[in-house]
Amino acid sequence: MKIRIRNSKTKRARKTGYRTRQKTAGGRKVNRRQRARHGSF
């Protein structure tokens, strides 16, 4: 089921959120880097 997104804040979160980044190798690398810098999210 596709969720219809209206407000752009949610839209942006959908595209650039933690979970989305976890889905690709590059994104996991980013998350790892963030965690190293700031501790866990």
N, C-alpha and C. Protein backbone atom coordinates (compact mmCIF):
# COMPACT_ATOMS: atom_id res chain seq x y z
N MET A 1 0.82 -1.19 0.00
CA MET A 1 0.00 0.00 0.00
C MET A 1 0.86 1.25 0.00
N LYS A 2 0.58 2.14 -0.91
CA LYS A 2 1.36 3.37 -0.98
C LYS A 2 0.71 4.44 -0.12
N ILE A 3 1.51 5.04 0.75
CA ILE A 3 0.98 6.10 1.60
C ILE A 3 1.06 7.41 0.86
N ARG A 4 -0.05 8.13 0.80
CA ARG A 4 -0.05 9.41 0.12
C ARG A 4 0.50 10.47 1.05
N ILE A 5 1.56 11.14 0.60
CA ILE A 5 2.21 12.14 1.45
C ILE A 5 1.82 13.52 0.99
N ARG A 6 1.33 14.34 1.88
CA ARG A 6 1.00 15.69 1.53
C ARG A 6 2.06 16.69 1.98
N ASN A 7 2.26 16.80 3.30
CA ASN A 7 3.14 17.89 3.70
C ASN A 7 4.62 17.60 3.45
N SER A 8 5.34 18.64 3.08
CA SER A 8 6.69 18.45 2.57
C SER A 8 7.68 18.06 3.66
N LYS A 9 7.31 18.35 4.91
CA LYS A 9 8.18 17.95 6.03
C LYS A 9 8.28 16.43 6.09
N THR A 10 7.12 15.78 5.98
CA THR A 10 7.07 14.32 5.97
C THR A 10 7.76 13.77 4.74
N LYS A 11 7.54 14.47 3.61
CA LYS A 11 8.13 14.04 2.35
C LYS A 11 9.65 14.02 2.46
N ARG A 12 10.18 15.09 3.03
CA ARG A 12 11.62 15.19 3.20
C ARG A 12 12.15 14.12 4.14
N ALA A 13 11.42 13.88 5.22
CA ALA A 13 11.82 12.86 6.18
C ALA A 13 11.86 11.49 5.52
N ARG A 14 10.86 11.26 4.65
CA ARG A 14 10.77 9.99 3.94
C ARG A 14 12.00 9.77 3.06
N LYS A 15 12.48 10.86 2.47
CA LYS A 15 13.61 10.75 1.53
C LYS A 15 14.96 10.72 2.23
N THR A 16 15.08 11.46 3.34
CA THR A 16 16.42 11.64 3.92
C THR A 16 16.54 11.13 5.34
N GLY A 17 15.53 10.38 5.79
CA GLY A 17 15.54 9.89 7.17
C GLY A 17 16.56 8.78 7.39
N TYR A 18 16.71 8.42 8.65
CA TYR A 18 17.65 7.38 9.06
C TYR A 18 17.35 6.06 8.38
N ARG A 19 16.08 5.66 8.39
CA ARG A 19 15.70 4.36 7.82
C ARG A 19 15.98 4.29 6.34
N THR A 20 15.73 5.36 5.65
CA THR A 20 15.98 5.41 4.21
C THR A 20 17.47 5.24 3.95
N ARG A 21 18.28 5.93 4.73
CA ARG A 21 19.72 5.83 4.55
C ARG A 21 20.23 4.43 4.85
N GLN A 22 19.56 3.74 5.79
CA GLN A 22 19.99 2.39 6.13
C GLN A 22 19.84 1.42 4.96
N LYS A 23 19.02 1.76 3.98
CA LYS A 23 18.69 0.83 2.90
C LYS A 23 19.79 0.68 1.86
N THR A 24 20.72 1.64 1.79
CA THR A 24 21.80 1.53 0.81
C THR A 24 23.14 1.45 1.50
N ALA A 25 24.12 0.90 0.81
CA ALA A 25 25.45 0.77 1.39
C ALA A 25 26.03 2.14 1.73
N GLY A 26 25.84 3.09 0.81
CA GLY A 26 26.35 4.44 1.03
C GLY A 26 25.70 5.09 2.25
N GLY A 27 24.39 4.85 2.39
CA GLY A 27 23.64 5.43 3.50
C GLY A 27 24.08 4.86 4.83
N ARG A 28 24.36 3.56 4.84
CA ARG A 28 24.84 2.93 6.07
C ARG A 28 26.17 3.53 6.48
N LYS A 29 26.98 3.85 5.49
CA LYS A 29 28.27 4.48 5.74
C LYS A 29 28.06 5.85 6.39
N VAL A 30 27.09 6.60 5.85
CA VAL A 30 26.77 7.91 6.41
C VAL A 30 26.31 7.77 7.86
N ASN A 31 25.41 6.83 8.11
CA ASN A 31 24.88 6.63 9.46
C ASN A 31 25.99 6.26 10.43
N ARG A 32 26.90 5.43 9.96
CA ARG A 32 28.02 5.02 10.80
C ARG A 32 28.88 6.23 11.16
N ARG A 33 29.09 7.08 10.16
CA ARG A 33 29.89 8.28 10.37
C ARG A 33 29.22 9.22 11.38
N GLN A 34 27.90 9.38 11.22
CA GLN A 34 27.15 10.23 12.14
C GLN A 34 27.24 9.69 13.56
N ARG A 35 27.12 8.36 13.70
CA ARG A 35 27.15 7.75 15.00
C ARG A 35 28.51 7.94 15.67
N ALA A 36 29.54 7.82 14.84
CA ALA A 36 30.90 8.01 15.37
C ALA A 36 31.10 9.44 15.86
N ARG A 37 30.52 10.39 15.15
CA ARG A 37 30.69 11.78 15.52
C ARG A 37 29.87 12.20 16.72
N HIS A 38 28.62 11.74 16.76
CA HIS A 38 27.70 12.28 17.76
C HIS A 38 27.21 11.26 18.78
N GLY A 39 27.78 10.07 18.78
CA GLY A 39 27.21 9.03 19.62
C GLY A 39 25.95 8.50 18.95
N SER A 40 25.18 7.68 19.63
CA SER A 40 24.01 7.10 18.98
C SER A 40 22.92 8.15 18.80
N PHE A 41 22.00 7.88 17.89
CA PHE A 41 20.93 8.83 17.59
C PHE A 41 19.87 8.75 18.68
